[in-house]
PDB file of N, CA and C in Angstrom:
ATOM      1  N   MET A   1     -30.011   0.200 -15.867  1.00  0.00           N
ATOM      2  CA  MET A   1     -31.414   0.926 -16.001  1.00  0.00           C
ATOM      3  C   MET A   1     -31.956   0.212 -16.926  1.00  0.00           C
ATOM      4  N   ALA A   2     -33.193  -0.360 -16.627  1.00  0.00           N
ATOM      5  CA  ALA A   2     -33.858  -1.133 -17.537  1.00  0.00           C
ATOM      6  C   ALA A   2     -35.300  -0.702 -17.482  1.00  0.00           C
ATOM      7  N   LEU A   3     -35.604   0.048 -18.834  1.00  0.00           N
ATOM      8  CA  LEU A   3     -36.842   0.767 -19.156  1.00  0.00           C
ATOM      9  C   LEU A   3     -37.227   0.225 -20.536  1.00  0.00           C
ATOM     10  N   ASN A   4     -38.532   0.387 -20.869  1.00  0.00           N
ATOM     11  CA  ASN A   4     -39.021  -0.175 -22.145  1.00  0.00           C
ATOM     12  C   ASN A   4     -38.418   0.726 -23.198  1.00  0.00           C
ATOM     13  N   VAL A   5     -38.454   0.282 -24.468  1.00  0.00           N
ATOM     14  CA  VAL A   5     -38.131   0.962 -25.641  1.00  0.00           C
ATOM     15  C   VAL A   5     -38.817   2.285 -25.809  1.00  0.00           C
ATOM     16  N   GLY A   6     -37.899   3.214 -25.990  1.00  0.00           N
ATOM     17  CA  GLY A   6     -38.344   4.588 -26.258  1.00  0.00           C
ATOM     18  C   GLY A   6     -38.650   5.382 -25.195  1.00  0.00           C
ATOM     19  N   TRP A   7     -38.343   4.995 -23.885  1.00  0.00           N
ATOM     20  CA  TRP A   7     -38.436   5.632 -22.878  1.00  0.00           C
ATOM     21  C   TRP A   7     -37.346   6.619 -22.315  1.00  0.00           C
ATOM     22  N   GLY A   8     -36.192   6.655 -23.192  1.00  0.00           N
ATOM     23  CA  GLY A   8     -35.333   7.633 -23.041  1.00  0.00           C
ATOM     24  C   GLY A   8     -33.985   7.347 -22.328  1.00  0.00           C
ATOM     25  N   LYS A   9     -33.807   6.090 -22.296  1.00  0.00           N
ATOM     26  CA  LYS A   9     -32.602   5.442 -21.405  1.00  0.00           C
ATOM     27  C   LYS A   9     -31.247   6.161 -21.912  1.00  0.00           C
ATOM     28  N   THR A  10     -31.143   6.379 -23.371  1.00  0.00           N
ATOM     29  CA  THR A  10     -29.828   7.042 -23.744  1.00  0.00           C
ATOM     30  C   THR A  10     -29.815   8.594 -23.372  1.00  0.00           C
ATOM     31  N   ILE A  11     -30.895   9.116 -23.328  1.00  0.00           N
ATOM     32  CA  ILE A  11     -30.983  10.605 -22.820  1.00  0.00           C
ATOM     33  C   ILE A  11     -30.636  10.771 -21.302  1.00  0.00           C
ATOM     34  N   VAL A  12     -31.252   9.761 -20.717  1.00  0.00           N
ATOM     35  CA  VAL A  12     -30.805   9.832 -19.076  1.00  0.00           C
ATOM     36  C   VAL A  12     -29.207   9.638 -18.935  1.00  0.00           C
ATOM     37  N   MET A  13     -28.764   8.543 -19.751  1.00  0.00           N
ATOM     38  CA  MET A  13     -27.253   8.414 -19.644  1.00  0.00           C
ATOM     39  C   MET A  13     -26.553   9.507 -20.048  1.00  0.00           C
ATOM     40  N   LEU A  14     -26.789  10.211 -20.992  1.00  0.00           N
ATOM     41  CA  LEU A  14     -26.120  11.449 -21.413  1.00  0.00           C
ATOM     42  C   LEU A  14     -26.204  12.615 -20.279  1.00  0.00           C
ATOM     43  N   GLU A  15     -27.290  12.745 -19.569  1.00  0.00           N
ATOM     44  CA  GLU A  15     -27.520  13.622 -18.843  1.00  0.00           C
ATOM     45  C   GLU A  15     -26.744  13.510 -17.593  1.00  0.00           C
ATOM     46  N   LEU A  16     -26.570  12.142 -17.139  1.00  0.00           N
ATOM     47  CA  LEU A  16     -25.594  11.623 -16.242  1.00  0.00           C
ATOM     48  C   LEU A  16     -24.306  12.111 -16.553  1.00  0.00           C
ATOM     49  N   MET A  17     -23.829  11.805 -17.702  1.00  0.00           N
ATOM     50  CA  MET A  17     -22.492  11.954 -18.111  1.00  0.00           C
ATOM     51  C   MET A  17     -22.179  13.567 -17.928  1.00  0.00           C
ATOM     52  N   LEU A  18     -23.086  14.275 -18.454  1.00  0.00           N
ATOM     53  CA  LEU A  18     -22.964  15.777 -18.548  1.00  0.00           C
ATOM     54  C   LEU A  18     -22.812  16.330 -16.935  1.00  0.00           C
ATOM     55  N   ARG A  19     -23.436  15.747 -16.110  1.00  0.00           N
ATOM     56  CA  ARG A  19     -23.683  16.258 -14.675  1.00  0.00           C
ATOM     57  C   ARG A  19     -22.627  15.732 -13.876  1.00  0.00           C
ATOM     58  N   GLN A  20     -22.086  14.432 -14.223  1.00  0.00           N
ATOM     59  CA  GLN A  20     -21.023  13.898 -13.412  1.00  0.00           C
ATOM     60  C   GLN A  20     -19.658  13.989 -13.762  1.00  0.00           C
ATOM     61  N   GLY A  21     -19.657  14.298 -15.179  1.00  0.00           N
ATOM     62  CA  GLY A  21     -18.205  14.393 -15.796  1.00  0.00           C
ATOM     63  C   GLY A  21     -17.550  12.878 -15.955  1.00  0.00           C
ATOM     64  N   GLY A  22     -16.216  12.954 -16.090  1.00  0.00           N
ATOM     65  CA  GLY A  22     -15.570  11.675 -16.062  1.00  0.00           C
ATOM     66  C   GLY A  22     -15.825  11.011 -17.645  1.00  0.00           C
ATOM     67  N   SER A  23     -15.011   9.851 -17.631  1.00  0.00           N
ATOM     68  CA  SER A  23     -15.120   9.032 -18.868  1.00  0.00           C
ATOM     69  C   SER A  23     -16.137   7.912 -18.971  1.00  0.00           C
ATOM     70  N   THR A  24     -16.764   7.735 -19.949  1.00  0.00           N
ATOM     71  CA  THR A  24     -17.632   6.691 -20.111  1.00  0.00           C
ATOM     72  C   THR A  24     -17.393   5.768 -21.306  1.00  0.00           C
ATOM     73  N   LEU A  25     -17.377   4.240 -21.143  1.00  0.00           N
ATOM     74  CA  LEU A  25     -17.168   3.261 -21.943  1.00  0.00           C
ATOM     75  C   LEU A  25     -18.783   2.959 -22.505  1.00  0.00           C
ATOM     76  N   VAL A  26     -19.049   3.069 -23.694  1.00  0.00           N
ATOM     77  CA  VAL A  26     -20.347   2.501 -24.091  1.00  0.00           C
ATOM     78  C   VAL A  26     -19.988   1.355 -25.141  1.00  0.00           C
ATOM     79  N   CYS A  27     -20.478   0.345 -24.535  1.00  0.00           N
ATOM     80  CA  CYS A  27     -20.516  -1.188 -25.280  1.00  0.00           C
ATOM     81  C   CYS A  27     -21.804  -1.358 -25.824  1.00  0.00           C
ATOM     82  N   ALA A  28     -21.684  -1.511 -27.319  1.00  0.00           N
ATOM     83  CA  ALA A  28     -23.159  -1.724 -27.763  1.00  0.00           C
ATOM     84  C   ALA A  28     -22.847  -2.534 -29.182  1.00  0.00           C
ATOM     85  N   PRO A  29     -23.899  -3.085 -29.538  1.00  0.00           N
ATOM     86  CA  PRO A  29     -23.777  -3.694 -30.933  1.00  0.00           C
ATOM     87  C   PRO A  29     -23.396  -2.568 -32.088  1.00  0.00           C
ATOM     88  N   LEU A  30     -22.532  -3.091 -32.967  1.00  0.00           N
ATOM     89  CA  LEU A  30     -22.139  -2.023 -34.015  1.00  0.00           C
ATOM     90  C   LEU A  30     -23.100  -1.309 -34.644  1.00  0.00           C
ATOM     91  N   THR A  31     -24.296  -1.932 -34.809  1.00  0.00           N
ATOM     92  CA  THR A  31     -25.501  -1.236 -35.442  1.00  0.00           C
ATOM     93  C   THR A  31     -26.129  -0.053 -34.733  1.00  0.00           C
ATOM     94  N   LEU A  32     -25.491   0.008 -33.337  1.00  0.00           N
ATOM     95  CA  LEU A  32     -26.330   1.337 -32.572  1.00  0.00           C
ATOM     96  C   LEU A  32     -25.276   2.277 -32.350  1.00  0.00           C
ATOM     97  N   ILE A  33     -24.161   2.067 -32.717  1.00  0.00           N
ATOM     98  CA  ILE A  33     -23.179   3.154 -32.347  1.00  0.00           C
ATOM     99  C   ILE A  33     -23.336   4.317 -32.902  1.00  0.00           C
ATOM    100  N   ASP A  34     -23.801   4.504 -34.279  1.00  0.00           N
ATOM    101  CA  ASP A  34     -24.056   5.697 -34.807  1.00  0.00           C
ATOM    102  C   ASP A  34     -25.319   6.346 -34.325  1.00  0.00           C
ATOM    103  N   GLN A  35     -26.146   5.497 -33.953  1.00  0.00           N
ATOM    104  CA  GLN A  35     -27.279   6.213 -33.184  1.00  0.00           C
ATOM    105  C   GLN A  35     -26.853   6.826 -31.932  1.00  0.00           C
ATOM    106  N   TRP A  36     -26.029   6.245 -31.169  1.00  0.00           N
ATOM    107  CA  TRP A  36     -25.313   6.986 -30.036  1.00  0.00           C
ATOM    108  C   TRP A  36     -24.843   8.070 -30.255  1.00  0.00           C
ATOM    109  N   LYS A  37     -23.894   8.088 -31.332  1.00  0.00           N
ATOM    110  CA  LYS A  37     -23.196   9.277 -31.744  1.00  0.00           C
ATOM    111  C   LYS A  37     -24.196  10.419 -32.136  1.00  0.00           C
ATOM    112  N   THR A  38     -25.382  10.185 -32.710  1.00  0.00           N
ATOM    113  CA  THR A  38     -26.209  11.066 -33.222  1.00  0.00           C
ATOM    114  C   THR A  38     -26.868  11.676 -31.952  1.00  0.00           C
ATOM    115  N   GLU A  39     -27.335  10.926 -30.882  1.00  0.00           N
ATOM    116  CA  GLU A  39     -27.881  11.289 -29.743  1.00  0.00           C
ATOM    117  C   GLU A  39     -26.846  12.149 -28.859  1.00  0.00           C
ATOM    118  N   VAL A  40     -25.664  11.842 -28.947  1.00  0.00           N
ATOM    119  CA  VAL A  40     -24.541  12.840 -28.262  1.00  0.00           C
ATOM    120  C   VAL A  40     -24.704  14.098 -28.908  1.00  0.00           C
ATOM    121  N   LYS A  41     -24.355  14.202 -30.101  1.00  0.00           N
ATOM    122  CA  LYS A  41     -24.287  15.341 -30.890  1.00  0.00           C
ATOM    123  C   LYS A  41     -25.744  16.233 -30.512  1.00  0.00           C
ATOM    124  N   LYS A  42     -26.670  15.523 -30.543  1.00  0.00           N
ATOM    125  CA  LYS A  42     -28.043  16.343 -30.371  1.00  0.00           C
ATOM    126  C   LYS A  42     -28.218  16.866 -28.948  1.00  0.00           C
ATOM    127  N   PHE A  43     -27.973  15.931 -27.923  1.00  0.00           N
ATOM    128  CA  PHE A  43     -28.473  16.137 -26.519  1.00  0.00           C
ATOM    129  C   PHE A  43     -27.043  16.536 -25.606  1.00  0.00           C
ATOM    130  N   ALA A  44     -26.046  16.367 -26.103  1.00  0.00           N
ATOM    131  CA  ALA A  44     -24.633  16.401 -25.311  1.00  0.00           C
ATOM    132  C   ALA A  44     -23.586  16.830 -26.229  1.00  0.00           C
ATOM    133  N   PRO A  45     -23.796  17.865 -26.933  1.00  0.00           N
ATOM    134  CA  PRO A  45     -22.725  18.221 -27.810  1.00  0.00           C
ATOM    135  C   PRO A  45     -21.267  18.763 -27.307  1.00  0.00           C
ATOM    136  N   THR A  46     -21.380  19.003 -26.072  1.00  0.00           N
ATOM    137  CA  THR A  46     -19.948  19.282 -25.561  1.00  0.00           C
ATOM    138  C   THR A  46     -19.115  17.925 -25.131  1.00  0.00           C
ATOM    139  N   LEU A  47     -19.787  16.854 -25.065  1.00  0.00           N
ATOM    140  CA  LEU A  47     -19.127  15.650 -24.991  1.00  0.00           C
ATOM    141  C   LEU A  47     -18.217  15.261 -26.038  1.00  0.00           C
ATOM    142  N   THR A  48     -17.071  14.916 -26.003  1.00  0.00           N
ATOM    143  CA  THR A  48     -16.257  14.427 -27.096  1.00  0.00           C
ATOM    144  C   THR A  48     -16.365  12.844 -27.161  1.00  0.00           C
ATOM    145  N   THR A  49     -16.408  12.455 -28.415  1.00  0.00           N
ATOM    146  CA  THR A  49     -16.467  10.973 -28.683  1.00  0.00           C
ATOM    147  C   THR A  49     -15.240  10.352 -29.488  1.00  0.00           C
ATOM    148  N   CYS A  50     -15.216   9.062 -29.288  1.00  0.00           N
ATOM    149  CA  CYS A  50     -14.212   8.338 -30.142  1.00  0.00           C
ATOM    150  C   CYS A  50     -14.553   7.022 -30.265  1.00  0.00           C
ATOM    151  N   GLU A  51     -13.922   6.154 -31.064  1.00  0.00           N
ATOM    152  CA  GLU A  51     -14.336   4.666 -31.416  1.00  0.00           C
ATOM    153  C   GLU A  51     -13.344   3.923 -30.801  1.00  0.00           C
ATOM    154  N   TYR A  52     -13.470   2.689 -30.408  1.00  0.00           N
ATOM    155  CA  TYR A  52     -12.409   1.656 -30.070  1.00  0.00           C
ATOM    156  C   TYR A  52     -12.963   0.405 -30.603  1.00  0.00           C
ATOM    157  N   TYR A  53     -12.846   0.115 -31.889  1.00  0.00           N
ATOM    158  CA  TYR A  53     -13.240  -0.905 -32.709  1.00  0.00           C
ATOM    159  C   TYR A  53     -12.818  -0.767 -33.884  1.00  0.00           C
ATOM    160  N   GLY A  54     -12.419  -1.919 -34.762  1.00  0.00           N
ATOM    161  CA  GLY A  54     -12.046  -2.125 -36.196  1.00  0.00           C
ATOM    162  C   GLY A  54     -10.698  -1.465 -36.009  1.00  0.00           C
ATOM    163  N   ARG A  55     -10.357  -0.471 -36.825  1.00  0.00           N
ATOM    164  CA  ARG A  55      -9.087   0.154 -37.072  1.00  0.00           C
ATOM    165  C   ARG A  55      -9.077   1.486 -36.071  1.00  0.00           C
ATOM    166  N   GLN A  56      -9.825   1.821 -35.520  1.00  0.00           N
ATOM    167  CA  GLN A  56     -10.347   2.796 -34.579  1.00  0.00           C
ATOM    168  C   GLN A  56      -9.726   2.413 -33.226  1.00  0.00           C
ATOM    169  N   ARG A  57      -8.873   2.838 -32.653  1.00  0.00           N
ATOM    170  CA  ARG A  57      -8.405   2.276 -31.377  1.00  0.00           C
ATOM    171  C   ARG A  57      -7.985   3.481 -30.427  1.00  0.00           C
ATOM    172  N   LYS A  58      -9.018   4.511 -30.226  1.00  0.00           N
ATOM    173  CA  LYS A  58      -8.819   5.772 -29.589  1.00  0.00           C
ATOM    174  C   LYS A  58      -9.654   5.556 -28.010  1.00  0.00           C
ATOM    175  N   GLN A  59      -9.032   6.119 -27.051  1.00  0.00           N
ATOM    176  CA  GLN A  59      -9.688   6.197 -25.823  1.00  0.00           C
ATOM    177  C   GLN A  59      -9.667   7.444 -25.032  1.00  0.00           C
ATOM    178  N   ASP A  60      -9.249   8.499 -26.014  1.00  0.00           N
ATOM    179  CA  ASP A  60      -9.002   9.911 -25.546  1.00  0.00           C
ATOM    180  C   ASP A  60     -10.255  10.927 -25.550  1.00  0.00           C
ATOM    181  N   ALA A  61     -11.232  10.482 -25.038  1.00  0.00           N
ATOM    182  CA  ALA A  61     -12.598  11.190 -25.368  1.00  0.00           C
ATOM    183  C   ALA A  61     -13.354  10.966 -24.039  1.00  0.00           C
ATOM    184  N   ASP A  62     -14.534  11.822 -23.869  1.00  0.00           N
ATOM    185  CA  ASP A  62     -15.417  11.663 -22.722  1.00  0.00           C
ATOM    186  C   ASP A  62     -16.138  10.349 -22.695  1.00  0.00           C
ATOM    187  N   VAL A  63     -16.528  10.083 -24.187  1.00  0.00           N
ATOM    188  CA  VAL A  63     -17.486   8.901 -24.433  1.00  0.00           C
ATOM    189  C   VAL A  63     -16.597   7.952 -25.408  1.00  0.00           C
ATOM    190  N   VAL A  64     -16.432   6.851 -25.089  1.00  0.00           N
ATOM    191  CA  VAL A  64     -15.568   5.916 -25.829  1.00  0.00           C
ATOM    192  C   VAL A  64     -16.639   4.890 -26.281  1.00  0.00           C
ATOM    193  N   PHE A  65     -16.833   4.444 -27.570  1.00  0.00           N
ATOM    194  CA  PHE A  65     -17.569   3.566 -28.190  1.00  0.00           C
ATOM    195  C   PHE A  65     -16.800   2.253 -28.536  1.00  0.00           C
ATOM    196  N   THR A  66     -17.338   1.141 -28.066  1.00  0.00           N
ATOM    197  CA  THR A  66     -16.808  -0.136 -28.520  1.00  0.00           C
ATOM    198  C   THR A  66     -18.044  -1.162 -28.599  1.00  0.00           C
ATOM    199  N   THR A  67     -17.687  -2.283 -29.335  1.00  0.00           N
ATOM    200  CA  THR A  67     -18.563  -3.358 -29.562  1.00  0.00           C
ATOM    201  C   THR A  67     -18.316  -4.442 -28.605  1.00  0.00           C
ATOM    202  N   TYR A  68     -19.269  -5.472 -28.435  1.00  0.00           N
ATOM    203  CA  TYR A  68     -18.981  -6.579 -27.520  1.00  0.00           C
ATOM    204  C   TYR A  68     -18.110  -7.352 -28.274  1.00  0.00           C
ATOM    205  N   SER A  69     -17.880  -7.528 -29.393  1.00  0.00           N
ATOM    206  CA  SER A  69     -16.872  -8.557 -29.921  1.00  0.00           C
ATOM    207  C   SER A  69     -15.473  -7.878 -29.621  1.00  0.00           C
ATOM    208  N   THR A  70     -15.299  -6.621 -29.872  1.00  0.00           N
ATOM    209  CA  THR A  70     -13.962  -5.800 -29.555  1.00  0.00           C
ATOM    210  C   THR A  70     -13.964  -6.044 -28.125  1.00  0.00           C
ATOM    211  N   LEU A  71     -14.652  -5.760 -27.368  1.00  0.00           N
ATOM    212  CA  LEU A  71     -14.413  -5.753 -25.884  1.00  0.00           C
ATOM    213  C   LEU A  71     -14.006  -7.154 -25.358  1.00  0.00           C
ATOM    214  N   ARG A  72     -14.460  -8.090 -25.900  1.00  0.00           N
ATOM    215  CA  ARG A  72     -14.046  -9.532 -25.659  1.00  0.00           C
ATOM    216  C   ARG A  72     -12.499  -9.747 -25.864  1.00  0.00           C
ATOM    217  N   GLN A  73     -12.011  -8.993 -27.085  1.00  0.00           N
ATOM    218  CA  GLN A  73     -10.581  -9.214 -27.462  1.00  0.00           C
ATOM    219  C   GLN A  73      -9.789  -8.198 -26.904  1.00  0.00           C
ATOM    220  N   VAL A  74     -10.187  -7.217 -26.320  1.00  0.00           N
ATOM    221  CA  VAL A  74      -9.217  -6.292 -25.892  1.00  0.00           C
ATOM    222  C   VAL A  74      -9.541  -5.606 -24.359  1.00  0.00           C
ATOM    223  N   VAL A  75     -10.283  -6.311 -23.732  1.00  0.00           N
ATOM    224  CA  VAL A  75     -10.702  -5.765 -22.417  1.00  0.00           C
ATOM    225  C   VAL A  75      -9.373  -5.516 -21.400  1.00  0.00           C
ATOM    226  N   SER A  76      -8.110  -6.157 -21.800  1.00  0.00           N
ATOM    227  CA  SER A  76      -6.855  -5.804 -20.763  1.00  0.00           C
ATOM    228  C   SER A  76      -6.496  -4.679 -21.296  1.00  0.00           C
ATOM    229  N   GLN A  77      -6.618  -4.152 -22.605  1.00  0.00           N
ATOM    230  CA  GLN A  77      -5.999  -2.890 -22.998  1.00  0.00           C
ATOM    231  C   GLN A  77      -6.712  -1.638 -22.896  1.00  0.00           C
ATOM    232  N   LEU A  78      -7.859  -1.843 -22.130  1.00  0.00           N
ATOM    233  CA  LEU A  78      -8.734  -0.651 -22.048  1.00  0.00           C
ATOM    234  C   LEU A  78      -8.247   0.249 -20.779  1.00  0.00           C
ATOM    235  N   LYS A  79      -8.442   1.547 -20.726  1.00  0.00           N
ATOM    236  CA  LYS A  79      -8.111   2.158 -19.694  1.00  0.00           C
ATOM    237  C   LYS A  79      -9.270   2.109 -18.679  1.00  0.00           C
ATOM    238  N   THR A  80      -9.096   2.530 -17.334  1.00  0.00           N
ATOM    239  CA  THR A  80     -10.191   2.511 -16.501  1.00  0.00           C
ATOM    240  C   THR A  80     -11.187   3.619 -16.778  1.00  0.00           C
ATOM    241  N   PHE A  81     -12.457   3.345 -16.852  1.00  0.00           N
ATOM    242  CA  PHE A  81     -13.581   4.357 -17.130  1.00  0.00           C
ATOM    243  C   PHE A  81     -14.236   4.613 -15.834  1.00  0.00           C
ATOM    244  N   ASP A  82     -14.867   5.887 -15.808  1.00  0.00           N
ATOM    245  CA  ASP A  82     -15.786   6.179 -14.455  1.00  0.00           C
ATOM    246  C   ASP A  82     -17.012   5.485 -14.606  1.00  0.00           C
ATOM    247  N   ARG A  83     -17.594   5.185 -15.690  1.00  0.00           N
ATOM    248  CA  ARG A  83     -18.661   4.512 -15.991  1.00  0.00           C
ATOM    249  C   ARG A  83     -18.760   3.752 -17.348  1.00  0.00           C
ATOM    250  N   VAL A  84     -19.468   2.727 -17.176  1.00  0.00           N
ATOM    251  CA  VAL A  84     -19.698   1.875 -18.502  1.00  0.00           C
ATOM    252  C   VAL A  84     -21.077   1.614 -18.648  1.00  0.00           C
ATOM    253  N   VAL A  85     -21.589   1.664 -19.971  1.00  0.00           N
ATOM    254  CA  VAL A  85     -23.033   1.347 -20.361  1.00  0.00           C
ATOM    255  C   VAL A  85     -22.818   0.273 -21.422  1.00  0.00           C
ATOM    256  N   PHE A  86     -23.600  -0.761 -20.837  1.00  0.00           N
ATOM    257  CA  PHE A  86     -23.810  -1.986 -21.839  1.00  0.00           C
ATOM    258  C   PHE A  86     -25.316  -1.922 -22.476  1.00  0.00           C
ATOM    259  N   ASP A  87     -25.243  -1.329 -23.684  1.00  0.00           N
ATOM    260  CA  ASP A  87     -26.581  -1.105 -24.234  1.00  0.00           C
ATOM    261  C   ASP A  87     -26.825  -2.675 -25.114  1.00  0.00           C
ATOM    262  N   GLU A  88     -28.118  -2.811 -24.887  1.00  0.00           N
ATOM    263  CA  GLU A  88     -28.601  -4.065 -25.420  1.00  0.00           C
ATOM    264  C   GLU A  88     -28.129  -5.270 -24.524  1.00  0.00           C
ATOM    265  N   SER A  89     -28.007  -5.011 -23.439  1.00  0.00           N
ATOM    266  CA  SER A  89     -27.130  -5.935 -22.534  1.00  0.00           C
ATOM    267  C   SER A  89     -27.930  -7.374 -22.388  1.00  0.00           C
ATOM    268  N   HIS A  90     -29.125  -7.632 -22.924  1.00  0.00           N
ATOM    269  CA  HIS A  90     -29.611  -8.830 -22.924  1.00  0.00           C
ATOM    270  C   HIS A  90     -28.838  -9.746 -23.814  1.00  0.00           C
ATOM    271  N   ILE A  91     -28.145  -9.428 -24.729  1.00  0.00           N
ATOM    272  CA  ILE A  91     -27.383 -10.281 -25.480  1.00  0.00           C
ATOM    273  C   ILE A  91     -26.329 -11.076 -24.568  1.00  0.00           C
ATOM    274  N   ILE A  92     -26.068 -10.565 -23.414  1.00  0.00           N
ATOM    275  CA  ILE A  92     -25.259 -11.354 -22.484  1.00  0.00           C
ATOM    276  C   ILE A  92     -25.950 -12.258 -21.835  1.00  0.00           C
ATOM    277  N   LYS A  93     -26.295 -13.403 -22.325  1.00  0.00           N
ATOM    278  CA  LYS A  93     -26.990 -14.389 -21.855  1.00  0.00           C
ATOM    279  C   LYS A  93     -26.458 -15.132 -20.788  1.00  0.00           C
ATOM    280  N   ASN A  94     -25.336 -15.929 -21.236  1.00  0.00           N
ATOM    281  CA  ASN A  94     -24.365 -16.819 -20.557  1.00  0.00           C
ATOM    282  C   ASN A  94     -23.406 -16.095 -19.683  1.00  0.00           C
ATOM    283  N   SER A  95     -23.722 -16.309 -18.253  1.00  0.00           N
ATOM    284  CA  SER A  95     -22.712 -15.760 -17.321  1.00  0.00           C
ATOM    285  C   SER A  95     -21.289 -16.140 -17.404  1.00  0.00           C
ATOM    286  N   ARG A  96     -20.967 -17.160 -18.162  1.00  0.00           N
ATOM    287  CA  ARG A  96     -19.757 -18.039 -18.271  1.00  0.00           C
ATOM    288  C   ARG A  96     -19.219 -17.565 -19.568  1.00  0.00           C
ATOM    289  N   SER A  97     -19.903 -17.134 -20.557  1.00  0.00           N
ATOM    290  CA  SER A  97     -19.252 -16.728 -21.999  1.00  0.00           C
ATOM    291  C   SER A  97     -18.302 -15.765 -21.759  1.00  0.00           C
ATOM    292  N   GLN A  98     -17.299 -15.720 -22.840  1.00  0.00           N
ATOM    293  CA  GLN A  98     -16.193 -14.818 -23.009  1.00  0.00           C
ATOM    294  C   GLN A  98     -16.866 -13.431 -22.828  1.00  0.00           C
ATOM    295  N   ARG A  99     -17.833 -13.216 -23.568  1.00  0.00           N
ATOM    296  CA  ARG A  99     -18.562 -11.887 -23.606  1.00  0.00           C
ATOM    297  C   ARG A  99     -18.861 -11.394 -22.200  1.00  0.00           C
ATOM    298  N   ALA A 100     -19.556 -12.220 -21.619  1.00  0.00           N
ATOM    299  CA  ALA A 100     -19.899 -11.825 -19.992  1.00  0.00           C
ATOM    300  C   ALA A 100     -18.746 -11.603 -19.128  1.00  0.00           C
ATOM    301  N   ILE A 101     -17.702 -12.371 -19.250  1.00  0.00           N
ATOM    302  CA  ILE A 101     -16.339 -12.307 -18.542  1.00  0.00           C
ATOM    303  C   ILE A 101     -15.778 -11.076 -18.856  1.00  0.00           C
ATOM    304  N   ALA A 102     -15.790 -10.623 -20.008  1.00  0.00           N
ATOM    305  CA  ALA A 102     -14.903  -9.551 -20.582  1.00  0.00           C
ATOM    306  C   ALA A 102     -15.766  -8.275 -19.932  1.00  0.00           C
ATOM    307  N   CYS A 103     -17.104  -8.218 -20.042  1.00  0.00           N
ATOM    308  CA  CYS A 103     -18.170  -7.204 -19.525  1.00  0.00           C
ATOM    309  C   CYS A 103     -17.860  -7.194 -18.045  1.00  0.00           C
ATOM    310  N   PHE A 104     -17.714  -8.178 -17.083  1.00  0.00           N
ATOM    311  CA  PHE A 104     -17.401  -8.306 -15.752  1.00  0.00           C
ATOM    312  C   PHE A 104     -16.111  -7.587 -15.573  1.00  0.00           C
ATOM    313  N   ASN A 105     -14.979  -7.840 -16.370  1.00  0.00           N
ATOM    314  CA  ASN A 105     -13.886  -7.314 -16.106  1.00  0.00           C
ATOM    315  C   ASN A 105     -13.552  -5.916 -16.277  1.00  0.00           C
ATOM    316  N   VAL A 106     -14.414  -5.503 -17.188  1.00  0.00           N
ATOM    317  CA  VAL A 106     -14.181  -3.942 -17.373  1.00  0.00           C
ATOM    318  C   VAL A 106     -14.538  -3.143 -15.947  1.00  0.00           C
TER     319      VAL A 106
END
């Protein structure tokens, strides 16, 4: 989904998660993960969350947050998710980069 800033992309994705259920991997820059957690608490408080980056390596929640750097290193260790959200995906510029290959392999 590509919409302008402030048009509610996060809210739309949270509603999709609530309606369809299943597990979701959200890959985002580290600076945005706290914002995602805030939005989950506010608009989808029934969804459980966990983190898979740094020392936190959990995957047992409705929404799992990771960073692009972590994804590049651990893509083979991740479980299969029902959906994947790549926030700020414009940072995946080169389709041959390790980052892009990791995103493709998810």
